PDB file of N, CA and C in Angstrom:
ATOM      1  N   MET A   1       0.511  -0.844   0.336  1.00  0.00           N
ATOM      2  CA  MET A   1       0.033  -0.306   0.146  1.00  0.00           C
ATOM      3  C   MET A   1       0.945   1.096   0.173  1.00  0.00           C
ATOM      4  N   THR A   2       0.912   1.879  -0.659  1.00  0.00           N
ATOM      5  CA  THR A   2       1.417   3.140  -0.742  1.00  0.00           C
ATOM      6  C   THR A   2       0.675   4.386   0.162  1.00  0.00           C
ATOM      7  N   THR A   3       1.761   5.328   0.659  1.00  0.00           N
ATOM      8  CA  THR A   3       0.821   6.744   1.670  1.00  0.00           C
ATOM      9  C   THR A   3       0.958   8.056   0.473  1.00  0.00           C
ATOM     10  N   PRO A   4       0.098   8.306   0.418  1.00  0.00           N
ATOM     11  CA  PRO A   4       0.613   9.623  -0.040  1.00  0.00           C
ATOM     12  C   PRO A   4       1.532  10.649   0.208  1.00  0.00           C
ATOM     13  N   HIS A   5       2.224  11.143  -0.724  1.00  0.00           N
ATOM     14  CA  HIS A   5       3.565  11.746  -0.332  1.00  0.00           C
ATOM     15  C   HIS A   5       3.022  13.105   0.483  1.00  0.00           C
ATOM     16  N   GLN A   6       3.173  12.887   0.887  1.00  0.00           N
ATOM     17  CA  GLN A   6       3.466  14.082   2.779  1.00  0.00           C
ATOM     18  C   GLN A   6       4.312  15.255   1.636  1.00  0.00           C
ATOM     19  N   HIS A   7       3.560  16.816   2.050  1.00  0.00           N
ATOM     20  CA  HIS A   7       4.334  17.967   1.709  1.00  0.00           C
ATOM     21  C   HIS A   7       5.259  18.377   2.930  1.00  0.00           C
ATOM     22  N   THR A   8       6.151  18.200   3.068  1.00  0.00           N
ATOM     23  CA  THR A   8       7.113  19.157   3.829  1.00  0.00           C
ATOM     24  C   THR A   8       6.721  20.571   3.524  1.00  0.00           C
ATOM     25  N   ALA A   9       7.225  21.306   4.798  1.00  0.00           N
ATOM     26  CA  ALA A   9       7.206  22.884   4.930  1.00  0.00           C
ATOM     27  C   ALA A   9       8.169  23.094   4.314  1.00  0.00           C
ATOM     28  N   ARG A  10       8.670  23.998   3.171  1.00  0.00           N
ATOM     29  CA  ARG A  10       9.050  24.037   3.110  1.00  0.00           C
ATOM     30  C   ARG A  10       9.849  25.819   3.577  1.00  0.00           C
ATOM     31  N   PRO A  11      11.244  25.802   3.806  1.00  0.00           N
ATOM     32  CA  PRO A  11      11.656  26.857   4.468  1.00  0.00           C
ATOM     33  C   PRO A  11      11.031  28.188   3.705  1.00  0.00           C
ATOM     34  N   ARG A  12      11.118  29.392   4.219  1.00  0.00           N
ATOM     35  CA  ARG A  12      10.262  30.550   3.188  1.00  0.00           C
ATOM     36  C   ARG A  12      11.840  31.038   2.141  1.00  0.00           C
ATOM     37  N   ALA A  13      11.534  30.648   0.861  1.00  0.00           N
ATOM     38  CA  ALA A  13      12.766  30.987  -0.514  1.00  0.00           C
ATOM     39  C   ALA A  13      13.287  32.376  -0.374  1.00  0.00           C
ATOM     40  N   ALA A  14      13.959  32.876   0.020  1.00  0.00           N
ATOM     41  CA  ALA A  14      14.552  33.668  -0.061  1.00  0.00           C
ATOM     42  C   ALA A  14      13.863  35.008  -0.984  1.00  0.00           C
ATOM     43  N   THR A  15      13.669  35.867  -0.487  1.00  0.00           N
ATOM     44  CA  THR A  15      13.170  36.944  -0.996  1.00  0.00           C
ATOM     45  C   THR A  15      14.258  38.072  -1.747  1.00  0.00           C
ATOM     46  N   ASN A  16      14.110  38.854  -3.570  1.00  0.00           N
ATOM     47  CA  ASN A  16      14.591  38.863  -3.823  1.00  0.00           C
ATOM     48  C   ASN A  16      15.381  40.574  -3.015  1.00  0.00           C
ATOM     49  N   GLN A  17      15.004  40.970  -2.561  1.00  0.00           N
ATOM     50  CA  GLN A  17      15.135  42.233  -1.547  1.00  0.00           C
ATOM     51  C   GLN A  17      16.506  41.535  -0.171  1.00  0.00           C
ATOM     52  N   ASP A  18      15.889  40.124   0.003  1.00  0.00           N
ATOM     53  CA  ASP A  18      16.539  39.877   1.298  1.00  0.00           C
ATOM     54  C   ASP A  18      17.920  39.151   0.761  1.00  0.00           C
ATOM     55  N   LEU A  19      17.871  38.826  -0.617  1.00  0.00           N
ATOM     56  CA  LEU A  19      18.997  38.865  -1.463  1.00  0.00           C
ATOM     57  C   LEU A  19      19.708  39.699  -2.125  1.00  0.00           C
ATOM     58  N   LEU A  20      19.027  40.137  -2.207  1.00  0.00           N
ATOM     59  CA  LEU A  20      19.915  41.586  -2.464  1.00  0.00           C
ATOM     60  C   LEU A  20      20.743  42.439  -0.871  1.00  0.00           C
ATOM     61  N   ALA A  21      19.752  42.715   0.052  1.00  0.00           N
ATOM     62  CA  ALA A  21      20.751  42.889   1.483  1.00  0.00           C
ATOM     63  C   ALA A  21      21.698  42.165   2.027  1.00  0.00           C
ATOM     64  N   ASP A  22      21.985  40.971   1.394  1.00  0.00           N
ATOM     65  CA  ASP A  22      22.713  40.036   1.784  1.00  0.00           C
ATOM     66  C   ASP A  22      24.294  40.433   0.871  1.00  0.00           C
ATOM     67  N   LEU A  23      23.715  40.781  -0.645  1.00  0.00           N
ATOM     68  CA  LEU A  23      24.279  41.354  -1.278  1.00  0.00           C
ATOM     69  C   LEU A  23      25.416  42.320  -0.966  1.00  0.00           C
ATOM     70  N   GLU A  24      24.460  43.354  -0.764  1.00  0.00           N
ATOM     71  CA  GLU A  24      24.844  44.425  -0.103  1.00  0.00           C
ATOM     72  C   GLU A  24      26.082  44.243   0.917  1.00  0.00           C
ATOM     73  N   THR A  25      25.583  43.586   1.881  1.00  0.00           N
ATOM     74  CA  THR A  25      26.551  43.372   2.987  1.00  0.00           C
ATOM     75  C   THR A  25      27.579  42.881   2.675  1.00  0.00           C
ATOM     76  N   THR A  26      27.744  41.594   1.675  1.00  0.00           N
ATOM     77  CA  THR A  26      28.974  41.166   1.806  1.00  0.00           C
ATOM     78  C   THR A  26      29.864  42.199   0.195  1.00  0.00           C
ATOM     79  N   MET A  27      29.227  42.900  -0.411  1.00  0.00           N
ATOM     80  CA  MET A  27      30.243  43.900  -1.264  1.00  0.00           C
ATOM     81  C   MET A  27      30.166  44.963  -0.250  1.00  0.00           C
ATOM     82  N   ALA A  28      30.156  45.187   1.366  1.00  0.00           N
ATOM     83  CA  ALA A  28      30.375  46.251   1.926  1.00  0.00           C
ATOM     84  C   ALA A  28      31.390  45.468   2.956  1.00  0.00           C
ATOM     85  N   GLU A  29      31.345  44.309   2.958  1.00  0.00           N
ATOM     86  CA  GLU A  29      33.052  43.749   3.897  1.00  0.00           C
ATOM     87  C   GLU A  29      33.797  43.407   2.914  1.00  0.00           C
ATOM     88  N   LEU A  30      33.712  43.098   1.625  1.00  0.00           N
ATOM     89  CA  LEU A  30      35.429  42.837   0.658  1.00  0.00           C
ATOM     90  C   LEU A  30      35.498  44.344   0.493  1.00  0.00           C
ATOM     91  N   GLN A  31      34.443  45.779   0.596  1.00  0.00           N
ATOM     92  CA  GLN A  31      35.166  46.654   0.214  1.00  0.00           C
ATOM     93  C   GLN A  31      36.101  47.225   1.650  1.00  0.00           C
ATOM     94  N   THR A  32      35.340  46.920   2.638  1.00  0.00           N
ATOM     95  CA  THR A  32      36.439  47.160   3.846  1.00  0.00           C
ATOM     96  C   THR A  32      37.305  46.008   3.927  1.00  0.00           C
ATOM     97  N   LEU A  33      37.558  45.134   3.308  1.00  0.00           N
ATOM     98  CA  LEU A  33      38.959  43.791   3.507  1.00  0.00           C
ATOM     99  C   LEU A  33      39.997  45.265   2.621  1.00  0.00           C
ATOM    100  N   ARG A  34      39.247  45.522   1.466  1.00  0.00           N
ATOM    101  CA  ARG A  34      40.000  46.575  -0.013  1.00  0.00           C
ATOM    102  C   ARG A  34      40.832  46.873   1.098  1.00  0.00           C
ATOM    103  N   GLU A  35      39.799  48.046   1.276  1.00  0.00           N
ATOM    104  CA  GLU A  35      40.436  48.675   2.036  1.00  0.00           C
ATOM    105  C   GLU A  35      41.351  49.181   3.484  1.00  0.00           C
ATOM    106  N   LEU A  36      41.846  47.741   4.269  1.00  0.00           N
ATOM    107  CA  LEU A  36      42.285  47.515   4.895  1.00  0.00           C
ATOM    108  C   LEU A  36      43.646  46.814   4.294  1.00  0.00           C
ATOM    109  N   ALA A  37      43.558  46.236   3.253  1.00  0.00           N
ATOM    110  CA  ALA A  37      44.789  46.273   2.604  1.00  0.00           C
ATOM    111  C   ALA A  37      45.692  46.517   1.952  1.00  0.00           C
ATOM    112  N   ILE A  38      45.007  47.885   1.154  1.00  0.00           N
ATOM    113  CA  ILE A  38      45.626  49.231   1.117  1.00  0.00           C
ATOM    114  C   ILE A  38      45.873  49.953   2.246  1.00  0.00           C
ATOM    115  N   GLU A  39      45.357  49.905   3.423  1.00  0.00           N
ATOM    116  CA  GLU A  39      45.975  51.149   3.796  1.00  0.00           C
ATOM    117  C   GLU A  39      47.671  50.307   4.414  1.00  0.00           C
ATOM    118  N   ALA A  40      46.911  48.787   4.619  1.00  0.00           N
ATOM    119  CA  ALA A  40      48.162  47.792   5.323  1.00  0.00           C
ATOM    120  C   ALA A  40      49.985  47.876   4.685  1.00  0.00           C
ATOM    121  N   LEU A  41      49.640  48.239   2.767  1.00  0.00           N
ATOM    122  CA  LEU A  41      50.024  48.029   1.856  1.00  0.00           C
ATOM    123  C   LEU A  41      50.823  49.510   1.762  1.00  0.00           C
ATOM    124  N   THR A  42      50.490  50.303   2.109  1.00  0.00           N
ATOM    125  CA  THR A  42      51.056  51.879   2.182  1.00  0.00           C
ATOM    126  C   THR A  42      52.177  52.392   2.827  1.00  0.00           C
ATOM    127  N   PRO A  43      52.203  51.764   4.052  1.00  0.00           N
ATOM    128  CA  PRO A  43      53.929  51.758   4.250  1.00  0.00           C
ATOM    129  C   PRO A  43      54.480  50.932   3.713  1.00  0.00           C
ATOM    130  N   THR A  44      54.716  49.844   3.494  1.00  0.00           N
ATOM    131  CA  THR A  44      55.380  48.970   2.649  1.00  0.00           C
ATOM    132  C   THR A  44      55.824  49.205   1.485  1.00  0.00           C
ATOM    133  N   VAL A  45      54.951  50.230   0.734  1.00  0.00           N
ATOM    134  CA  VAL A  45      55.225  50.615  -0.815  1.00  0.00           C
ATOM    135  C   VAL A  45      56.224  51.948  -0.625  1.00  0.00           C
ATOM    136  N   GLN A  46      55.836  52.933   0.431  1.00  0.00           N
ATOM    137  CA  GLN A  46      56.781  53.812   1.012  1.00  0.00           C
ATOM    138  C   GLN A  46      57.881  53.838   0.768  1.00  0.00           C
ATOM    139  N   GLY A  47      58.182  52.948   2.433  1.00  0.00           N
ATOM    140  CA  GLY A  47      59.044  52.269   2.371  1.00  0.00           C
ATOM    141  C   GLY A  47      60.149  51.594   1.143  1.00  0.00           C
ATOM    142  N   MET A  48      60.075  50.909   1.123  1.00  0.00           N
ATOM    143  CA  MET A  48      60.758  50.218  -0.112  1.00  0.00           C
ATOM    144  C   MET A  48      60.764  51.723  -1.294  1.00  0.00           C
ATOM    145  N   VAL A  49      59.963  52.662  -1.655  1.00  0.00           N
ATOM    146  CA  VAL A  49      60.365  53.934  -2.587  1.00  0.00           C
ATOM    147  C   VAL A  49      61.004  54.798  -1.848  1.00  0.00           C
ATOM    148  N   ARG A  50      60.908  55.510  -0.629  1.00  0.00           N
ATOM    149  CA  ARG A  50      61.964  56.323  -0.187  1.00  0.00           C
ATOM    150  C   ARG A  50      63.492  55.933  -0.010  1.00  0.00           C
ATOM    151  N   GLY A  51      63.100  53.928   0.858  1.00  0.00           N
ATOM    152  CA  GLY A  51      64.913  52.865   1.136  1.00  0.00           C
ATOM    153  C   GLY A  51      65.355  53.044  -0.284  1.00  0.00           C
ATOM    154  N   GLY A  52      64.497  53.193  -1.238  1.00  0.00           N
ATOM    155  CA  GLY A  52      65.371  53.222  -2.433  1.00  0.00           C
ATOM    156  C   GLY A  52      65.150  51.458  -2.791  1.00  0.00           C
ATOM    157  N   SER A  53      64.594  50.892  -2.093  1.00  0.00           N
ATOM    158  CA  SER A  53      64.475  48.957  -2.318  1.00  0.00           C
ATOM    159  C   SER A  53      65.224  48.747  -3.560  1.00  0.00           C
ATOM    160  N   ARG A  54      66.008  48.008  -3.826  1.00  0.00           N
ATOM    161  CA  ARG A  54      66.452  46.857  -4.764  1.00  0.00           C
ATOM    162  C   ARG A  54      65.778  45.189  -4.523  1.00  0.00           C
ATOM    163  N   ASP A  55      65.201  45.289  -3.514  1.00  0.00           N
ATOM    164  CA  ASP A  55      64.796  43.616  -3.512  1.00  0.00           C
ATOM    165  C   ASP A  55      63.782  44.152  -4.556  1.00  0.00           C
ATOM    166  N   VAL A  56      64.031  42.862  -5.259  1.00  0.00           N
ATOM    167  CA  VAL A  56      63.584  42.485  -6.509  1.00  0.00           C
ATOM    168  C   VAL A  56      62.023  41.310  -6.431  1.00  0.00           C
ATOM    169  N   GLN A  57      62.443  40.368  -5.560  1.00  0.00           N
ATOM    170  CA  GLN A  57      62.099  39.898  -5.294  1.00  0.00           C
ATOM    171  C   GLN A  57      60.313  40.282  -4.012  1.00  0.00           C
ATOM    172  N   ARG A  58      60.191  41.225  -3.286  1.00  0.00           N
ATOM    173  CA  ARG A  58      59.585  42.094  -2.472  1.00  0.00           C
ATOM    174  C   ARG A  58      58.720  43.361  -3.583  1.00  0.00           C
ATOM    175  N   ILE A  59      59.633  43.658  -4.446  1.00  0.00           N
ATOM    176  CA  ILE A  59      59.125  44.403  -5.179  1.00  0.00           C
ATOM    177  C   ILE A  59      57.744  43.823  -6.162  1.00  0.00           C
ATOM    178  N   GLU A  60      58.316  42.587  -6.601  1.00  0.00           N
ATOM    179  CA  GLU A  60      57.302  42.092  -6.986  1.00  0.00           C
ATOM    180  C   GLU A  60      56.020  41.599  -6.735  1.00  0.00           C
ATOM    181  N   HIS A  61      56.362  41.087  -5.123  1.00  0.00           N
ATOM    182  CA  HIS A  61      55.361  40.118  -4.446  1.00  0.00           C
ATOM    183  C   HIS A  61      54.510  41.342  -4.180  1.00  0.00           C
ATOM    184  N   THR A  62      54.759  42.239  -4.251  1.00  0.00           N
ATOM    185  CA  THR A  62      53.814  44.050  -3.262  1.00  0.00           C
ATOM    186  C   THR A  62      53.041  43.965  -4.777  1.00  0.00           C
ATOM    187  N   LEU A  63      53.717  44.492  -5.701  1.00  0.00           N
ATOM    188  CA  LEU A  63      53.094  44.891  -7.219  1.00  0.00           C
ATOM    189  C   LEU A  63      52.162  43.380  -7.323  1.00  0.00           C
ATOM    190  N   ASP A  64      52.240  42.794  -6.867  1.00  0.00           N
ATOM    191  CA  ASP A  64      51.332  40.857  -7.345  1.00  0.00           C
ATOM    192  C   ASP A  64      49.850  41.269  -6.138  1.00  0.00           C
ATOM    193  N   GLN A  65      50.095  41.494  -5.035  1.00  0.00           N
ATOM    194  CA  GLN A  65      48.984  42.370  -4.178  1.00  0.00           C
ATOM    195  C   GLN A  65      48.384  43.204  -4.061  1.00  0.00           C
ATOM    196  N   LEU A  66      49.079  44.596  -5.416  1.00  0.00           N
ATOM    197  CA  LEU A  66      48.894  45.804  -5.526  1.00  0.00           C
ATOM    198  C   LEU A  66      47.772  45.138  -6.708  1.00  0.00           C
ATOM    199  N   LEU A  67      48.025  44.279  -7.559  1.00  0.00           N
ATOM    200  CA  LEU A  67      47.085  44.294  -8.764  1.00  0.00           C
ATOM    201  C   LEU A  67      45.871  44.151  -7.885  1.00  0.00           C
ATOM    202  N   ASP A  68      45.403  43.377  -7.085  1.00  0.00           N
ATOM    203  CA  ASP A  68      44.205  42.775  -6.884  1.00  0.00           C
ATOM    204  C   ASP A  68      43.026  43.777  -6.228  1.00  0.00           C
ATOM    205  N   HIS A  69      43.719  45.467  -5.949  1.00  0.00           N
ATOM    206  CA  HIS A  69      43.387  46.399  -5.431  1.00  0.00           C
ATOM    207  C   HIS A  69      43.632  47.299  -6.316  1.00  0.00           C
ATOM    208  N   ALA A  70      44.478  47.230  -8.022  1.00  0.00           N
ATOM    209  CA  ALA A  70      44.502  48.373  -8.321  1.00  0.00           C
ATOM    210  C   ALA A  70      43.384  48.559  -9.427  1.00  0.00           C
ATOM    211  N   CYS A  71      41.663  48.453  -8.803  1.00  0.00           N
ATOM    212  CA  CYS A  71      40.673  48.930  -9.247  1.00  0.00           C
ATOM    213  C   CYS A  71      39.939  49.774  -9.046  1.00  0.00           C
ATOM    214  N   PHE A  72      40.973  50.145  -7.020  1.00  0.00           N
ATOM    215  CA  PHE A  72      40.383  51.462  -6.706  1.00  0.00           C
ATOM    216  C   PHE A  72      41.797  52.591  -6.534  1.00  0.00           C
ATOM    217  N   PRO A  73      41.221  54.155  -6.397  1.00  0.00           N
ATOM    218  CA  PRO A  73      42.039  55.090  -7.238  1.00  0.00           C
ATOM    219  C   PRO A  73      43.253  54.889  -6.180  1.00  0.00           C
ATOM    220  N   GLU A  74      42.869  54.712  -4.941  1.00  0.00           N
ATOM    221  CA  GLU A  74      43.912  53.885  -3.398  1.00  0.00           C
ATOM    222  C   GLU A  74      45.094  53.547  -3.813  1.00  0.00           C
ATOM    223  N   GLY A  75      44.801  52.121  -4.738  1.00  0.00           N
ATOM    224  CA  GLY A  75      45.534  50.863  -5.213  1.00  0.00           C
ATOM    225  C   GLY A  75      45.753  51.553  -5.802  1.00  0.00           C
ATOM    226  N   LEU A  76      45.254  51.594  -6.768  1.00  0.00           N
ATOM    227  CA  LEU A  76      46.054  52.348  -7.912  1.00  0.00           C
ATOM    228  C   LEU A  76      47.023  53.295  -8.512  1.00  0.00           C
ATOM    229  N   ALA A  77      46.967  54.282  -7.410  1.00  0.00           N
ATOM    230  CA  ALA A  77      48.447  55.094  -6.597  1.00  0.00           C
ATOM    231  C   ALA A  77      49.274  54.495  -6.111  1.00  0.00           C
ATOM    232  N   LEU A  78      48.803  53.795  -5.450  1.00  0.00           N
ATOM    233  CA  LEU A  78      50.424  52.239  -4.821  1.00  0.00           C
ATOM    234  C   LEU A  78      50.782  52.256  -5.981  1.00  0.00           C
ATOM    235  N   PHE A  79      50.121  51.411  -7.112  1.00  0.00           N
ATOM    236  CA  PHE A  79      50.575  50.590  -7.671  1.00  0.00           C
ATOM    237  C   PHE A  79      51.673  51.454  -8.766  1.00  0.00           C
ATOM    238  N   LYS A  80      51.227  52.305  -8.976  1.00  0.00           N
ATOM    239  CA  LYS A  80      51.789  53.331 -10.181  1.00  0.00           C
ATOM    240  C   LYS A  80      52.730  53.675  -9.286  1.00  0.00           C
ATOM    241  N   THR A  81      53.218  54.043  -8.240  1.00  0.00           N
ATOM    242  CA  THR A  81      53.894  54.395  -7.332  1.00  0.00           C
ATOM    243  C   THR A  81      55.362  53.487  -7.064  1.00  0.00           C
ATOM    244  N   LEU A  82      54.857  52.574  -7.324  1.00  0.00           N
ATOM    245  CA  LEU A  82      56.154  51.353  -7.164  1.00  0.00           C
ATOM    246  C   LEU A  82      56.767  50.720  -8.602  1.00  0.00           C
ATOM    247  N   CYS A  83      55.280  51.070  -9.543  1.00  0.00           N
ATOM    248  CA  CYS A  83      56.403  50.989 -10.629  1.00  0.00           C
ATOM    249  C   CYS A  83      56.612  51.870 -11.415  1.00  0.00           C
ATOM    250  N   GLY A  84      56.657  52.836 -11.165  1.00  0.00           N
ATOM    251  CA  GLY A  84      57.559  54.026 -11.245  1.00  0.00           C
ATOM    252  C   GLY A  84      58.951  54.012 -10.387  1.00  0.00           C
ATOM    253  N   HIS A  85      59.019  53.213  -9.608  1.00  0.00           N
ATOM    254  CA  HIS A  85      60.049  53.279  -8.701  1.00  0.00           C
ATOM    255  C   HIS A  85      61.285  51.799  -9.256  1.00  0.00           C
ATOM    256  N   TYR A  86      60.372  50.750  -9.811  1.00  0.00           N
ATOM    257  CA  TYR A  86      60.826  49.922 -10.494  1.00  0.00           C
ATOM    258  C   TYR A  86      61.298  50.060 -11.818  1.00  0.00           C
ATOM    259  N   TRP A  87      60.861  50.885 -12.232  1.00  0.00           N
ATOM    260  CA  TRP A  87      61.044  51.184 -13.807  1.00  0.00           C
ATOM    261  C   TRP A  87      62.370  51.346 -13.423  1.00  0.00           C
ATOM    262  N   SER A  88      63.130  51.996 -13.152  1.00  0.00           N
ATOM    263  CA  SER A  88      64.617  51.830 -12.816  1.00  0.00           C
ATOM    264  C   SER A  88      65.272  50.587 -12.848  1.00  0.00           C
ATOM    265  N   LEU A  89      65.040  49.917 -11.884  1.00  0.00           N
ATOM    266  CA  LEU A  89      65.576  49.108 -11.677  1.00  0.00           C
ATOM    267  C   LEU A  89      65.424  47.553 -12.903  1.00  0.00           C
ATOM    268  N   ASP A  90      63.585  47.654 -13.710  1.00  0.00           N
ATOM    269  CA  ASP A  90      64.200  46.981 -14.396  1.00  0.00           C
ATOM    270  C   ASP A  90      62.459  47.342 -15.418  1.00  0.00           C
ATOM    271  N   PRO A  91      63.199  48.156 -16.244  1.00  0.00           N
ATOM    272  CA  PRO A  91      61.594  48.361 -17.435  1.00  0.00           C
ATOM    273  C   PRO A  91      60.821  47.732 -17.949  1.00  0.00           C
ATOM    274  N   GLN A  92      61.478  46.009 -18.358  1.00  0.00           N
ATOM    275  CA  GLN A  92      60.906  45.422 -19.176  1.00  0.00           C
ATOM    276  C   GLN A  92      59.861  44.703 -17.837  1.00  0.00           C
ATOM    277  N   ALA A  93      60.188  44.053 -17.010  1.00  0.00           N
ATOM    278  CA  ALA A  93      59.339  43.969 -15.802  1.00  0.00           C
ATOM    279  C   ALA A  93      58.076  44.424 -14.991  1.00  0.00           C
ATOM    280  N   THR A  94      58.413  45.672 -15.056  1.00  0.00           N
ATOM    281  CA  THR A  94      57.236  46.816 -15.125  1.00  0.00           C
ATOM    282  C   THR A  94      56.720  47.066 -16.275  1.00  0.00           C
ATOM    283  N   ALA A  95      57.044  47.240 -17.605  1.00  0.00           N
ATOM    284  CA  ALA A  95      56.051  46.984 -18.670  1.00  0.00           C
ATOM    285  C   ALA A  95      54.979  45.931 -18.500  1.00  0.00           C
ATOM    286  N   SER A  96      55.545  44.265 -18.175  1.00  0.00           N
ATOM    287  CA  SER A  96      54.770  43.719 -18.375  1.00  0.00           C
ATOM    288  C   SER A  96      53.980  43.289 -16.568  1.00  0.00           C
ATOM    289  N   TYR A  97      54.167  44.235 -15.497  1.00  0.00           N
ATOM    290  CA  TYR A  97      53.109  44.493 -14.666  1.00  0.00           C
ATOM    291  C   TYR A  97      52.089  45.527 -15.402  1.00  0.00           C
ATOM    292  N   VAL A  98      52.790  46.818 -16.216  1.00  0.00           N
ATOM    293  CA  VAL A  98      51.446  47.003 -16.694  1.00  0.00           C
ATOM    294  C   VAL A  98      50.430  46.484 -17.518  1.00  0.00           C
ATOM    295  N   HIS A  99      50.704  45.869 -18.451  1.00  0.00           N
ATOM    296  CA  HIS A  99      50.098  44.651 -19.160  1.00  0.00           C
ATOM    297  C   HIS A  99      49.165  44.029 -18.219  1.00  0.00           C
ATOM    298  N   ALA A 100      49.412  43.438 -17.161  1.00  0.00           N
ATOM    299  CA  ALA A 100      48.562  42.489 -16.439  1.00  0.00           C
ATOM    300  C   ALA A 100      47.322  43.253 -15.429  1.00  0.00           C
ATOM    301  N   TYR A 101      47.752  44.780 -15.578  1.00  0.00           N
ATOM    302  CA  TYR A 101      46.921  45.175 -14.916  1.00  0.00           C
ATOM    303  C   TYR A 101      45.854  45.696 -15.938  1.00  0.00           C
ATOM    304  N   ARG A 102      46.593  46.027 -16.993  1.00  0.00           N
ATOM    305  CA  ARG A 102      45.540  46.607 -18.047  1.00  0.00           C
ATOM    306  C   ARG A 102      44.404  45.247 -18.438  1.00  0.00           C
ATOM    307  N   GLU A 103      45.040  44.356 -18.405  1.00  0.00           N
ATOM    308  CA  GLU A 103      44.493  42.271 -18.879  1.00  0.00           C
ATOM    309  C   GLU A 103      42.921  42.340 -17.740  1.00  0.00           C
ATOM    310  N   MET A 104      43.945  42.594 -16.262  1.00  0.00           N
ATOM    311  CA  MET A 104      42.976  42.612 -15.058  1.00  0.00           C
ATOM    312  C   MET A 104      41.696  43.254 -15.298  1.00  0.00           C
ATOM    313  N   TRP A 105      42.217  44.700 -15.245  1.00  0.00           N
ATOM    314  CA  TRP A 105      41.048  45.559 -14.956  1.00  0.00           C
ATOM    315  C   TRP A 105      40.593  46.294 -15.975  1.00  0.00           C
ATOM    316  N   ASP A 106      41.051  45.477 -17.511  1.00  0.00           N
ATOM    317  CA  ASP A 106      40.550  45.701 -18.441  1.00  0.00           C
ATOM    318  C   ASP A 106      40.577  47.887 -18.733  1.00  0.00           C
ATOM    319  N   ALA A 107      41.669  48.054 -18.424  1.00  0.00           N
ATOM    320  CA  ALA A 107      41.996  49.400 -18.022  1.00  0.00           C
ATOM    321  C   ALA A 107      42.007  49.923 -19.848  1.00  0.00           C
ATOM    322  N   ASP A 108      41.354  51.714 -19.700  1.00  0.00           N
ATOM    323  CA  ASP A 108      41.171  52.419 -20.985  1.00  0.00           C
ATOM    324  C   ASP A 108      42.472  52.764 -21.015  1.00  0.00           C
ATOM    325  N   ASP A 109      43.000  52.997 -20.470  1.00  0.00           N
ATOM    326  CA  ASP A 109      44.128  54.195 -19.336  1.00  0.00           C
ATOM    327  C   ASP A 109      45.528  53.606 -19.792  1.00  0.00           C
ATOM    328  N   GLN A 110      45.493  54.319 -21.649  1.00  0.00           N
ATOM    329  CA  GLN A 110      46.691  53.369 -22.926  1.00  0.00           C
ATOM    330  C   GLN A 110      47.856  54.257 -22.132  1.00  0.00           C
ATOM    331  N   ASN A 111      47.644  55.239 -20.857  1.00  0.00           N
ATOM    332  CA  ASN A 111      48.876  56.746 -20.882  1.00  0.00           C
ATOM    333  C   ASN A 111      49.204  55.810 -19.533  1.00  0.00           C
ATOM    334  N   LEU A 112      49.081  54.762 -18.872  1.00  0.00           N
ATOM    335  CA  LEU A 112      49.558  54.203 -17.901  1.00  0.00           C
ATOM    336  C   LEU A 112      50.736  54.355 -18.139  1.00  0.00           C
ATOM    337  N   ILE A 113      51.637  52.983 -18.743  1.00  0.00           N
ATOM    338  CA  ILE A 113      52.847  53.064 -19.066  1.00  0.00           C
ATOM    339  C   ILE A 113      53.863  54.229 -19.098  1.00  0.00           C
ATOM    340  N   HIS A 114      53.391  55.561 -19.729  1.00  0.00           N
ATOM    341  CA  HIS A 114      53.817  56.860 -19.426  1.00  0.00           C
ATOM    342  C   HIS A 114      54.155  57.765 -18.774  1.00  0.00           C
ATOM    343  N   GLU A 115      53.351  56.756 -17.374  1.00  0.00           N
ATOM    344  CA  GLU A 115      52.944  57.666 -15.771  1.00  0.00           C
ATOM    345  C   GLU A 115      54.375  57.231 -15.338  1.00  0.00           C
ATOM    346  N   VAL A 116      54.625  55.818 -15.561  1.00  0.00           N
ATOM    347  CA  VAL A 116      55.373  55.287 -14.647  1.00  0.00           C
ATOM    348  C   VAL A 116      56.518  55.271 -14.721  1.00  0.00           C
ATOM    349  N   ALA A 117      56.839  55.322 -16.010  1.00  0.00           N
ATOM    350  CA  ALA A 117      58.089  55.880 -16.683  1.00  0.00           C
ATOM    351  C   ALA A 117      58.690  57.253 -16.428  1.00  0.00           C
ATOM    352  N   PRO A 118      59.555  57.199 -16.321  1.00  0.00           N
ATOM    353  CA  PRO A 118      60.525  58.789 -15.931  1.00  0.00           C
ATOM    354  C   PRO A 118      60.689  59.723 -16.977  1.00  0.00           C
TER     355      PRO A 118
END
């Protein structure tokens, strides 16, 4: 003998407004994390530039980190500053970071390479 299917109460489906509110909260948290990362990287970049760092590995590691945040004006400013410093050490490697920036963020800024070159 078969028993009729019992309908169990489903949890209330999230409304579009609930989903939008969750998305806005997540975006705000991500923005905060990006701001904290930029704040943390600022003294690193300033120290390398002021000190005339020639530590290529550290410079490239920092540029890699900055690429993740170069979509924000503050992050892009740090990226440009460090690229300007790195240009004197290795113009070819610096150009590859500029191209990576363009690919990653689809920048229309065709003058970026000229801004970092002395």
